């Protein structure tokens, strides 16, 4: 698949290019990104080059990972975030993202997530997008929830980060959550019937 471009009210979401290497390198020096994501730590310029010049284009070519750089179009045209969908199983992908520290708190990441997930449902097409983050990453969880994801629980030892397995929160977004049709039929489980209170029979 050829990389595509999405636009929102404040962002252009496009494929990363070699011109973005310096911005990616600077953003990933942030301690929060190194703590809460699985980027290498310490993060070297060679890591940014490998991510931008190899991982991202190969993901699009192989249709295994669709990574976008989010560019602020109402400011100075800066790269403010990276966001991607990684294919997991048939019509299921996992969402990942990070935002440069100076652009947090403006709702830009939520805007990007909304655009990329809608694209994933309508164009790939997906039936389920999963978000996972280490327990304690409340900022990432808040973004996912604002974008409509529904928390499903905690996965023990679900994330391997710098050689250490950690528990993670898991949430998911379905096309029906956004009023979109599902490719495969979906029949949600019925909640168990309530048992009568003692003495009520």
N, C-alpha and C. Protein backbone atom coordinates (compact mmCIF):
# COMPACT_ATOMS: atom_id res chain seq x y z
N UNK A 1 0.85 -1.19 0.00
CA UNK A 1 0.00 0.00 0.00
C UNK A 1 0.89 1.25 0.00
N UNK A 2 0.49 2.23 -0.81
CA UNK A 2 1.20 3.50 -0.81
C UNK A 2 0.75 4.33 0.39
N UNK A 3 1.67 5.03 1.06
CA UNK A 3 1.27 5.89 2.17
C UNK A 3 0.24 6.93 1.72
N UNK A 4 -0.67 7.25 2.61
CA UNK A 4 -1.70 8.24 2.31
C UNK A 4 -1.61 9.38 3.32
N UNK A 5 -2.35 10.44 3.03
CA UNK A 5 -2.36 11.62 3.89
C UNK A 5 -3.78 11.87 4.39
N UNK A 6 -3.90 12.14 5.68
CA UNK A 6 -5.19 12.48 6.28
C UNK A 6 -5.10 13.91 6.81
N UNK A 7 -6.22 14.59 6.84
CA UNK A 7 -6.24 15.94 7.38
C UNK A 7 -7.35 16.06 8.42
N UNK A 8 -7.07 16.85 9.45
CA UNK A 8 -8.06 17.18 10.47
C UNK A 8 -8.10 18.69 10.58
N UNK A 9 -8.82 19.17 11.56
CA UNK A 9 -8.94 20.63 11.72
C UNK A 9 -7.59 21.30 11.96
N UNK A 10 -6.69 20.59 12.65
CA UNK A 10 -5.41 21.21 13.01
C UNK A 10 -4.18 20.45 12.58
N UNK A 11 -4.36 19.29 11.97
CA UNK A 11 -3.24 18.42 11.68
C UNK A 11 -3.24 17.90 10.25
N UNK A 12 -2.06 17.64 9.74
CA UNK A 12 -1.87 16.81 8.55
C UNK A 12 -1.16 15.55 9.01
N UNK A 13 -1.73 14.41 8.69
CA UNK A 13 -1.16 13.11 9.05
C UNK A 13 -0.62 12.48 7.78
N UNK A 14 0.69 12.32 7.74
CA UNK A 14 1.35 11.86 6.53
C UNK A 14 2.47 10.90 6.88
N UNK A 15 3.01 10.26 5.86
CA UNK A 15 4.15 9.36 6.08
C UNK A 15 5.35 10.17 6.55
N UNK A 16 6.13 9.59 7.44
CA UNK A 16 7.37 10.23 7.85
C UNK A 16 8.39 10.18 6.73
N UNK A 17 9.22 11.22 6.63
CA UNK A 17 10.24 11.31 5.59
C UNK A 17 11.60 11.55 6.25
N UNK A 18 12.69 11.37 5.50
CA UNK A 18 14.01 11.62 6.08
C UNK A 18 14.15 13.01 6.71
N UNK A 19 13.39 13.97 6.24
CA UNK A 19 13.45 15.31 6.82
C UNK A 19 12.91 15.35 8.25
N UNK A 20 12.23 14.29 8.67
CA UNK A 20 11.66 14.24 10.03
C UNK A 20 12.59 13.62 11.05
N UNK A 21 13.72 13.11 10.62
CA UNK A 21 14.60 12.38 11.54
C UNK A 21 14.99 13.23 12.74
N UNK A 22 15.39 14.47 12.51
CA UNK A 22 15.83 15.31 13.62
C UNK A 22 14.69 15.55 14.60
N UNK A 23 13.48 15.80 14.09
CA UNK A 23 12.33 16.05 14.97
C UNK A 23 11.99 14.81 15.78
N UNK A 24 12.05 13.63 15.16
CA UNK A 24 11.78 12.38 15.88
C UNK A 24 12.84 12.18 16.96
N UNK A 25 14.09 12.42 16.61
CA UNK A 25 15.18 12.25 17.58
C UNK A 25 14.99 13.18 18.78
N UNK A 26 14.66 14.45 18.51
CA UNK A 26 14.48 15.40 19.62
C UNK A 26 13.30 15.00 20.49
N UNK A 27 12.19 14.63 19.88
CA UNK A 27 11.00 14.27 20.66
C UNK A 27 11.26 13.08 21.56
N UNK A 28 12.01 12.10 21.05
CA UNK A 28 12.22 10.86 21.80
C UNK A 28 13.32 10.96 22.85
N UNK A 29 13.88 12.16 23.04
CA UNK A 29 14.76 12.38 24.18
C UNK A 29 13.95 12.58 25.45
N UNK A 30 12.65 12.83 25.29
CA UNK A 30 11.77 13.09 26.43
C UNK A 30 11.71 11.87 27.35
N UNK A 31 11.87 12.11 28.65
CA UNK A 31 11.86 11.02 29.60
C UNK A 31 10.55 10.26 29.65
N UNK A 32 9.42 10.95 29.43
CA UNK A 32 8.13 10.26 29.48
C UNK A 32 7.98 9.29 28.32
N UNK A 33 8.44 9.67 27.14
CA UNK A 33 8.36 8.76 25.99
C UNK A 33 9.23 7.54 26.24
N UNK A 34 10.43 7.76 26.76
CA UNK A 34 11.31 6.61 27.02
C UNK A 34 10.80 5.74 28.15
N UNK A 35 10.10 6.34 29.11
CA UNK A 35 9.57 5.56 30.23
C UNK A 35 8.36 4.73 29.84
N UNK A 36 7.44 5.32 29.09
CA UNK A 36 6.14 4.69 28.89
C UNK A 36 5.96 3.99 27.55
N UNK A 37 6.87 4.20 26.60
CA UNK A 37 6.76 3.49 25.34
C UNK A 37 7.93 2.53 25.21
N UNK A 38 7.96 1.78 24.12
CA UNK A 38 9.02 0.79 23.93
C UNK A 38 10.11 1.29 22.99
N UNK A 39 10.25 2.62 22.84
CA UNK A 39 11.37 3.13 22.06
C UNK A 39 12.67 2.79 22.78
N UNK A 40 13.77 2.67 22.06
CA UNK A 40 15.05 2.40 22.73
C UNK A 40 15.40 3.49 23.73
N UNK A 41 16.07 3.09 24.79
CA UNK A 41 16.51 4.04 25.81
C UNK A 41 17.91 3.65 26.26
N UNK A 42 18.90 4.51 26.07
CA UNK A 42 18.82 5.86 25.51
C UNK A 42 18.48 5.84 24.02
N UNK A 43 17.90 6.94 23.56
CA UNK A 43 17.45 7.02 22.17
C UNK A 43 18.49 7.80 21.37
N UNK A 44 19.10 7.12 20.39
CA UNK A 44 20.16 7.72 19.58
C UNK A 44 19.60 8.22 18.26
N UNK A 45 20.37 9.08 17.60
CA UNK A 45 19.93 9.56 16.29
C UNK A 45 19.81 8.39 15.31
N UNK A 46 20.68 7.38 15.46
CA UNK A 46 20.59 6.20 14.59
C UNK A 46 19.26 5.47 14.77
N UNK A 47 18.69 5.52 15.98
CA UNK A 47 17.39 4.91 16.21
C UNK A 47 16.31 5.65 15.43
N UNK A 48 16.39 6.98 15.43
CA UNK A 48 15.42 7.77 14.66
C UNK A 48 15.56 7.51 13.17
N UNK A 49 16.80 7.41 12.69
CA UNK A 49 17.02 7.12 11.27
C UNK A 49 16.44 5.76 10.89
N UNK A 50 16.66 4.77 11.74
CA UNK A 50 16.16 3.43 11.45
C UNK A 50 14.62 3.41 11.45
N UNK A 51 14.02 4.11 12.42
CA UNK A 51 12.56 4.17 12.50
C UNK A 51 11.96 4.85 11.27
N UNK A 52 12.50 6.00 10.92
CA UNK A 52 11.94 6.79 9.82
C UNK A 52 12.25 6.17 8.46
N UNK A 53 13.48 5.73 8.26
CA UNK A 53 13.93 5.30 6.94
C UNK A 53 13.72 3.82 6.64
N UNK A 54 13.52 3.00 7.68
CA UNK A 54 13.34 1.57 7.45
C UNK A 54 11.99 1.06 7.94
N UNK A 55 11.76 1.21 9.26
CA UNK A 55 10.55 0.62 9.83
C UNK A 55 9.28 1.20 9.20
N UNK A 56 9.21 2.51 9.11
CA UNK A 56 7.97 3.13 8.61
C UNK A 56 7.68 2.79 7.15
N UNK A 57 8.63 3.01 6.21
CA UNK A 57 8.30 2.68 4.81
C UNK A 57 8.06 1.19 4.58
N UNK A 58 8.82 0.33 5.27
CA UNK A 58 8.61 -1.11 5.09
C UNK A 58 7.25 -1.54 5.63
N UNK A 59 6.80 -0.90 6.71
CA UNK A 59 5.47 -1.22 7.24
C UNK A 59 4.38 -0.93 6.24
N UNK A 60 4.47 0.21 5.55
CA UNK A 60 3.48 0.54 4.52
C UNK A 60 3.58 -0.43 3.34
N UNK A 61 4.80 -0.72 2.89
CA UNK A 61 4.98 -1.61 1.74
C UNK A 61 4.43 -3.00 2.01
N UNK A 62 4.65 -3.50 3.21
CA UNK A 62 4.23 -4.86 3.56
C UNK A 62 2.81 -4.90 4.14
N UNK A 63 2.24 -3.72 4.37
CA UNK A 63 0.89 -3.60 4.95
C UNK A 63 0.82 -4.27 6.31
N UNK A 64 1.89 -4.09 7.07
CA UNK A 64 1.94 -4.65 8.43
C UNK A 64 1.87 -3.55 9.49
N UNK A 65 2.28 -2.34 9.13
CA UNK A 65 2.29 -1.24 10.08
C UNK A 65 2.12 0.07 9.31
N UNK A 66 1.13 0.85 9.73
CA UNK A 66 0.81 2.09 9.02
C UNK A 66 1.10 3.25 9.96
N UNK A 67 2.24 3.91 9.76
CA UNK A 67 2.70 4.96 10.66
C UNK A 67 2.53 6.32 10.01
N UNK A 68 2.01 7.25 10.79
CA UNK A 68 1.80 8.63 10.34
C UNK A 68 2.59 9.58 11.23
N UNK A 69 3.11 10.63 10.64
CA UNK A 69 3.62 11.76 11.40
C UNK A 69 2.54 12.82 11.42
N UNK A 70 2.27 13.38 12.60
CA UNK A 70 1.24 14.41 12.74
C UNK A 70 1.91 15.77 12.72
N UNK A 71 1.54 16.58 11.74
CA UNK A 71 2.13 17.90 11.55
C UNK A 71 1.10 18.96 11.90
N UNK A 72 1.49 19.91 12.72
CA UNK A 72 0.61 21.00 13.14
C UNK A 72 0.44 21.99 11.98
N UNK A 73 -0.75 22.07 11.43
CA UNK A 73 -0.97 22.93 10.26
C UNK A 73 -1.50 24.32 10.62
N UNK A 74 -1.79 24.56 11.89
CA UNK A 74 -2.25 25.90 12.28
C UNK A 74 -1.16 26.64 13.06
N UNK A 75 -0.03 25.98 13.25
CA UNK A 75 1.09 26.60 13.93
C UNK A 75 2.23 26.83 12.97
N UNK A 76 3.37 26.19 13.26
CA UNK A 76 4.57 26.40 12.44
C UNK A 76 4.90 25.20 11.57
N UNK A 77 3.95 24.29 11.39
CA UNK A 77 4.20 23.12 10.55
C UNK A 77 5.14 22.13 11.18
N UNK A 78 5.18 22.09 12.51
CA UNK A 78 6.10 21.20 13.21
C UNK A 78 5.52 19.79 13.32
N UNK A 79 6.42 18.81 13.39
CA UNK A 79 6.02 17.44 13.67
C UNK A 79 5.71 17.35 15.16
N UNK A 80 4.47 17.07 15.50
CA UNK A 80 4.07 17.09 16.91
C UNK A 80 3.89 15.69 17.49
N UNK A 81 3.74 14.68 16.65
CA UNK A 81 3.45 13.34 17.16
C UNK A 81 3.68 12.30 16.07
N UNK A 82 3.75 11.05 16.51
CA UNK A 82 3.74 9.91 15.60
C UNK A 82 2.65 8.97 16.08
N UNK A 83 1.97 8.36 15.14
CA UNK A 83 0.85 7.47 15.46
C UNK A 83 0.79 6.37 14.41
N UNK A 84 0.48 5.17 14.84
CA UNK A 84 0.45 4.08 13.88
C UNK A 84 -0.49 2.96 14.27
N UNK A 85 -0.85 2.17 13.27
CA UNK A 85 -1.65 0.96 13.45
C UNK A 85 -0.79 -0.22 13.03
N UNK A 86 -0.59 -1.17 13.95
CA UNK A 86 0.19 -2.37 13.66
C UNK A 86 -0.76 -3.55 13.54
N UNK A 87 -0.71 -4.24 12.41
CA UNK A 87 -1.60 -5.36 12.19
C UNK A 87 -1.25 -6.51 13.13
N UNK A 88 -2.26 -7.13 13.73
CA UNK A 88 -2.07 -8.22 14.67
C UNK A 88 -2.66 -9.52 14.14
N UNK A 89 -3.95 -9.55 13.88
CA UNK A 89 -4.61 -10.71 13.30
C UNK A 89 -5.54 -10.19 12.22
N UNK A 90 -6.33 -11.08 11.64
CA UNK A 90 -7.23 -10.68 10.58
C UNK A 90 -8.14 -9.55 11.04
N UNK A 91 -8.03 -8.41 10.37
CA UNK A 91 -8.85 -7.22 10.61
C UNK A 91 -8.75 -6.69 12.04
N UNK A 92 -7.63 -6.97 12.70
CA UNK A 92 -7.37 -6.42 14.03
C UNK A 92 -6.00 -5.75 14.03
N UNK A 93 -5.93 -4.56 14.60
CA UNK A 93 -4.66 -3.83 14.68
C UNK A 93 -4.50 -3.25 16.07
N UNK A 94 -3.26 -2.92 16.41
CA UNK A 94 -2.97 -2.27 17.69
C UNK A 94 -2.53 -0.84 17.43
N UNK A 95 -3.08 0.08 18.19
CA UNK A 95 -2.76 1.49 18.08
C UNK A 95 -1.57 1.84 18.96
N UNK A 96 -0.65 2.62 18.42
CA UNK A 96 0.45 3.13 19.22
C UNK A 96 0.69 4.59 18.87
N UNK A 97 1.14 5.37 19.85
CA UNK A 97 1.40 6.79 19.56
C UNK A 97 2.30 7.40 20.62
N UNK A 98 2.96 8.49 20.25
CA UNK A 98 3.64 9.36 21.20
C UNK A 98 3.51 10.80 20.71
N UNK A 99 3.57 11.71 21.65
CA UNK A 99 3.45 13.13 21.34
C UNK A 99 4.65 13.88 21.92
N UNK A 100 5.20 14.82 21.15
CA UNK A 100 6.29 15.64 21.66
C UNK A 100 5.81 16.44 22.87
N UNK A 101 6.66 16.56 23.86
CA UNK A 101 6.27 17.11 25.16
C UNK A 101 5.63 18.49 25.04
N UNK A 102 6.16 19.35 24.18
CA UNK A 102 5.67 20.74 24.12
C UNK A 102 4.30 20.88 23.46
N UNK A 103 3.79 19.78 22.89
CA UNK A 103 2.48 19.85 22.22
C UNK A 103 1.39 19.09 22.97
N UNK A 104 1.70 18.63 24.16
CA UNK A 104 0.69 17.90 24.93
C UNK A 104 -0.29 18.86 25.58
N UNK A 105 -1.47 18.31 25.91
CA UNK A 105 -2.46 19.11 26.62
C UNK A 105 -3.33 19.98 25.73
N UNK A 106 -3.25 19.80 24.41
CA UNK A 106 -4.04 20.61 23.48
C UNK A 106 -5.11 19.80 22.74
N UNK A 107 -5.16 18.49 23.02
CA UNK A 107 -6.12 17.64 22.32
C UNK A 107 -5.67 17.20 20.95
N UNK A 108 -4.43 17.49 20.58
CA UNK A 108 -3.95 17.13 19.24
C UNK A 108 -3.85 15.62 19.06
N UNK A 109 -3.41 14.91 20.12
CA UNK A 109 -3.26 13.47 20.01
C UNK A 109 -4.62 12.80 19.85
N UNK A 110 -5.61 13.27 20.60
CA UNK A 110 -6.96 12.72 20.45
C UNK A 110 -7.48 12.94 19.04
N UNK A 111 -7.20 14.10 18.48
CA UNK A 111 -7.62 14.43 17.11
C UNK A 111 -6.96 13.47 16.11
N UNK A 112 -5.69 13.20 16.32
CA UNK A 112 -4.97 12.29 15.44
C UNK A 112 -5.50 10.87 15.57
N UNK A 113 -5.73 10.42 16.80
CA UNK A 113 -6.26 9.07 17.02
C UNK A 113 -7.61 8.90 16.34
N UNK A 114 -8.47 9.89 16.46
CA UNK A 114 -9.79 9.80 15.84
C UNK A 114 -9.69 9.65 14.33
N UNK A 115 -8.79 10.40 13.71
CA UNK A 115 -8.65 10.33 12.26
C UNK A 115 -8.07 9.00 11.81
N UNK A 116 -7.03 8.53 12.49
CA UNK A 116 -6.36 7.29 12.07
C UNK A 116 -7.24 6.07 12.31
N UNK A 117 -7.95 6.04 13.43
CA UNK A 117 -8.82 4.89 13.68
C UNK A 117 -9.97 4.84 12.69
N UNK A 118 -10.56 5.98 12.38
CA UNK A 118 -11.65 6.00 11.39
C UNK A 118 -11.13 5.52 10.03
N UNK A 119 -9.95 5.98 9.65
CA UNK A 119 -9.35 5.51 8.40
C UNK A 119 -9.13 4.01 8.44
N UNK A 120 -8.64 3.49 9.57
CA UNK A 120 -8.41 2.06 9.68
C UNK A 120 -9.67 1.24 9.51
N UNK A 121 -10.77 1.72 10.07
CA UNK A 121 -12.03 0.99 9.95
C UNK A 121 -12.60 1.05 8.54
N UNK A 122 -12.44 2.16 7.88
CA UNK A 122 -13.11 2.34 6.58
C UNK A 122 -12.25 1.94 5.39
N UNK A 123 -10.92 1.94 5.55
CA UNK A 123 -10.06 1.72 4.39
C UNK A 123 -9.23 0.45 4.45
N UNK A 124 -8.87 -0.07 5.64
CA UNK A 124 -8.00 -1.26 5.61
C UNK A 124 -8.75 -2.52 5.18
N UNK A 125 -9.94 -2.86 5.64
CA UNK A 125 -10.71 -2.32 6.76
C UNK A 125 -10.50 -3.20 8.00
N UNK A 126 -10.64 -2.59 9.18
CA UNK A 126 -10.48 -3.29 10.44
C UNK A 126 -11.83 -3.49 11.12
N UNK A 127 -11.88 -4.49 11.98
CA UNK A 127 -13.07 -4.72 12.81
C UNK A 127 -12.79 -4.46 14.29
N UNK A 128 -11.51 -4.28 14.62
CA UNK A 128 -11.15 -4.07 16.03
C UNK A 128 -9.78 -3.39 16.09
N UNK A 129 -9.68 -2.35 16.89
CA UNK A 129 -8.40 -1.69 17.14
C UNK A 129 -8.15 -1.73 18.64
N UNK A 130 -7.00 -2.27 19.01
CA UNK A 130 -6.64 -2.45 20.41
C UNK A 130 -5.65 -1.37 20.83
N UNK A 131 -5.83 -0.86 22.03
CA UNK A 131 -4.85 0.05 22.65
C UNK A 131 -4.35 -0.63 23.91
N UNK A 132 -3.04 -0.59 24.13
CA UNK A 132 -2.45 -1.13 25.35
C UNK A 132 -1.43 -0.13 25.86
N UNK A 133 -1.36 0.02 27.17
CA UNK A 133 -0.35 0.87 27.78
C UNK A 133 -0.05 0.34 29.17
N UNK A 134 1.19 0.51 29.59
CA UNK A 134 1.58 0.05 30.91
C UNK A 134 0.70 0.69 31.98
N UNK A 135 0.31 -0.10 32.96
CA UNK A 135 -0.48 0.43 34.07
C UNK A 135 0.25 1.62 34.69
N UNK A 136 -0.45 2.73 34.82
CA UNK A 136 0.15 3.95 35.32
C UNK A 136 0.29 5.02 34.27
N UNK A 137 0.20 4.65 32.99
CA UNK A 137 0.31 5.64 31.91
C UNK A 137 -1.05 6.30 31.71
N UNK A 138 -1.40 7.16 32.65
CA UNK A 138 -2.74 7.75 32.67
C UNK A 138 -2.96 8.72 31.51
N UNK A 139 -1.91 9.36 31.01
CA UNK A 139 -2.08 10.29 29.90
C UNK A 139 -2.50 9.56 28.64
N UNK A 140 -1.85 8.43 28.36
CA UNK A 140 -2.21 7.65 27.18
C UNK A 140 -3.63 7.10 27.32
N UNK A 141 -3.97 6.63 28.53
CA UNK A 141 -5.32 6.11 28.75
C UNK A 141 -6.36 7.19 28.54
N UNK A 142 -6.10 8.40 29.01
CA UNK A 142 -7.06 9.49 28.84
C UNK A 142 -7.28 9.79 27.36
N UNK A 143 -6.21 9.76 26.57
CA UNK A 143 -6.35 9.99 25.13
C UNK A 143 -7.21 8.90 24.50
N UNK A 144 -6.94 7.64 24.83
CA UNK A 144 -7.70 6.53 24.26
C UNK A 144 -9.18 6.65 24.62
N UNK A 145 -9.47 6.97 25.87
CA UNK A 145 -10.87 7.06 26.30
C UNK A 145 -11.57 8.23 25.62
N UNK A 146 -10.89 9.35 25.46
CA UNK A 146 -11.50 10.49 24.77
C UNK A 146 -11.81 10.15 23.32
N UNK A 147 -11.01 9.26 22.73
CA UNK A 147 -11.22 8.85 21.34
C UNK A 147 -12.27 7.75 21.21
N UNK A 148 -12.85 7.31 22.33
CA UNK A 148 -13.94 6.34 22.28
C UNK A 148 -13.58 4.93 22.65
N UNK A 149 -12.32 4.65 22.97
CA UNK A 149 -11.93 3.29 23.35
C UNK A 149 -12.61 2.90 24.66
N UNK A 150 -12.90 1.61 24.78
CA UNK A 150 -13.56 1.06 25.96
C UNK A 150 -12.57 0.16 26.69
N UNK A 151 -12.33 0.46 27.96
CA UNK A 151 -11.41 -0.36 28.75
C UNK A 151 -11.96 -1.79 28.90
N UNK A 152 -11.07 -2.75 28.73
CA UNK A 152 -11.48 -4.15 28.82
C UNK A 152 -10.79 -4.90 29.96
N UNK A 153 -9.77 -4.30 30.56
CA UNK A 153 -9.14 -4.96 31.69
C UNK A 153 -7.64 -4.73 31.76
N UNK A 154 -6.99 -5.55 32.55
CA UNK A 154 -5.54 -5.48 32.75
C UNK A 154 -4.92 -6.79 32.30
N UNK A 155 -3.91 -6.70 31.49
CA UNK A 155 -3.20 -7.87 30.98
C UNK A 155 -1.90 -8.03 31.77
N UNK A 156 -1.78 -9.11 32.50
CA UNK A 156 -0.57 -9.33 33.29
C UNK A 156 0.63 -9.61 32.40
N UNK A 157 1.75 -8.95 32.71
CA UNK A 157 3.00 -9.14 31.95
C UNK A 157 2.78 -8.92 30.46
N UNK A 158 1.89 -8.00 30.13
CA UNK A 158 1.49 -7.83 28.74
C UNK A 158 2.45 -7.04 27.88
N UNK A 159 3.33 -6.25 28.51
CA UNK A 159 4.26 -5.42 27.75
C UNK A 159 5.69 -5.74 28.17
N UNK A 160 6.55 -5.94 27.19
CA UNK A 160 7.97 -6.12 27.44
C UNK A 160 8.66 -4.80 27.13
N UNK A 161 9.18 -4.13 28.15
CA UNK A 161 9.79 -2.82 27.99
C UNK A 161 11.19 -2.84 28.58
N UNK A 162 12.19 -2.71 27.68
CA UNK A 162 13.59 -2.72 28.11
C UNK A 162 13.93 -3.93 28.98
N UNK A 163 13.47 -5.10 28.54
CA UNK A 163 13.82 -6.34 29.20
C UNK A 163 13.01 -6.67 30.44
N UNK A 164 11.99 -5.87 30.73
CA UNK A 164 11.15 -6.10 31.90
C UNK A 164 9.70 -6.23 31.46
N UNK A 165 9.04 -7.30 31.90
CA UNK A 165 7.62 -7.46 31.59
C UNK A 165 6.79 -6.69 32.62
N UNK A 166 5.79 -5.96 32.12
CA UNK A 166 4.96 -5.13 32.98
C UNK A 166 3.48 -5.36 32.65
N UNK A 167 2.64 -5.17 33.65
CA UNK A 167 1.20 -5.26 33.42
C UNK A 167 0.75 -4.07 32.58
N UNK A 168 -0.30 -4.29 31.79
CA UNK A 168 -0.79 -3.20 30.95
C UNK A 168 -2.31 -3.16 30.94
N UNK A 169 -2.81 -1.94 30.78
CA UNK A 169 -4.23 -1.76 30.53
C UNK A 169 -4.53 -2.10 29.08
N UNK A 170 -5.72 -2.62 28.85
CA UNK A 170 -6.16 -2.97 27.49
C UNK A 170 -7.51 -2.33 27.24
N UNK A 171 -7.65 -1.70 26.09
CA UNK A 171 -8.93 -1.14 25.66
C UNK A 171 -9.08 -1.41 24.18
N UNK A 172 -10.28 -1.29 23.69
CA UNK A 172 -10.52 -1.54 22.27
C UNK A 172 -11.58 -0.59 21.73
N UNK A 173 -11.48 -0.36 20.45
CA UNK A 173 -12.46 0.44 19.71
C UNK A 173 -12.98 -0.42 18.57
N UNK A 174 -14.29 -0.45 18.41
CA UNK A 174 -14.93 -1.18 17.33
C UNK A 174 -15.56 -0.18 16.36
N UNK A 175 -15.73 -0.56 15.11
CA UNK A 175 -16.37 0.37 14.18
C UNK A 175 -17.77 0.77 14.63
N UNK A 176 -18.47 -0.16 15.25
CA UNK A 176 -19.82 0.17 15.72
C UNK A 176 -19.81 1.24 16.81
N UNK A 177 -18.68 1.39 17.52
CA UNK A 177 -18.57 2.46 18.51
C UNK A 177 -18.63 3.83 17.86
N UNK A 178 -18.26 3.89 16.57
CA UNK A 178 -18.25 5.14 15.83
C UNK A 178 -19.42 5.24 14.85
N UNK A 179 -20.35 4.28 14.96
CA UNK A 179 -21.49 4.28 14.04
C UNK A 179 -21.15 3.77 12.66
N UNK A 180 -20.05 3.00 12.55
CA UNK A 180 -19.61 2.45 11.27
C UNK A 180 -19.96 0.96 11.21
N UNK A 181 -20.15 0.42 10.01
CA UNK A 181 -20.46 -1.01 9.91
C UNK A 181 -19.22 -1.86 10.16
N UNK A 182 -19.44 -3.06 10.66
CA UNK A 182 -18.37 -4.03 10.88
C UNK A 182 -18.28 -4.94 9.66
N UNK A 183 -17.05 -5.27 9.25
CA UNK A 183 -16.88 -6.15 8.10
C UNK A 183 -17.45 -7.54 8.39
N UNK A 184 -17.08 -8.10 9.53
CA UNK A 184 -17.64 -9.37 9.97
C UNK A 184 -18.78 -9.11 10.94
N UNK A 185 -19.75 -10.00 10.94
CA UNK A 185 -20.86 -9.86 11.87
C UNK A 185 -20.35 -9.94 13.30
N UNK A 186 -20.91 -9.13 14.17
CA UNK A 186 -20.51 -9.12 15.58
C UNK A 186 -21.74 -9.34 16.45
N UNK A 187 -21.68 -10.37 17.28
CA UNK A 187 -22.76 -10.66 18.20
C UNK A 187 -22.20 -10.57 19.61
N UNK A 188 -22.43 -9.46 20.32
CA UNK A 188 -21.88 -9.34 21.67
C UNK A 188 -22.50 -10.35 22.63
N UNK A 189 -21.69 -10.76 23.59
CA UNK A 189 -22.18 -11.70 24.59
C UNK A 189 -23.26 -11.03 25.44
N UNK A 190 -24.27 -11.80 25.78
CA UNK A 190 -25.30 -11.26 26.65
C UNK A 190 -24.82 -11.32 28.09
N UNK A 191 -25.10 -10.27 28.87
CA UNK A 191 -24.71 -10.34 30.28
C UNK A 191 -25.47 -11.46 30.97
N UNK A 192 -24.86 -12.10 31.97
CA UNK A 192 -25.56 -13.18 32.67
C UNK A 192 -26.84 -12.67 33.32
N UNK A 193 -27.86 -13.51 33.30
CA UNK A 193 -29.14 -13.11 33.91
C UNK A 193 -28.95 -12.91 35.40
N UNK A 194 -29.60 -11.89 35.93
CA UNK A 194 -29.50 -11.62 37.37
C UNK A 194 -30.18 -12.72 38.16
N UNK A 195 -29.53 -13.18 39.22
CA UNK A 195 -30.11 -14.22 40.06
C UNK A 195 -31.07 -13.56 41.05
N UNK A 196 -32.18 -14.19 41.31
CA UNK A 196 -33.14 -13.60 42.25
C UNK A 196 -32.53 -13.47 43.66
N UNK A 197 -32.89 -12.42 44.33
CA UNK A 197 -32.42 -12.23 45.69
C UNK A 197 -32.97 -13.33 46.60
N UNK A 198 -32.20 -13.68 47.64
CA UNK A 198 -32.70 -14.72 48.57
C UNK A 198 -34.08 -14.36 49.12
N UNK A 199 -34.96 -15.35 49.10
CA UNK A 199 -36.31 -15.12 49.61
C UNK A 199 -37.26 -14.50 48.62
N UNK A 200 -36.76 -14.19 47.39
CA UNK A 200 -37.64 -13.54 46.42
C UNK A 200 -38.32 -14.56 45.53
N UNK A 201 -37.95 -15.84 45.64
CA UNK A 201 -38.54 -16.84 44.76
C UNK A 201 -39.93 -17.25 45.29
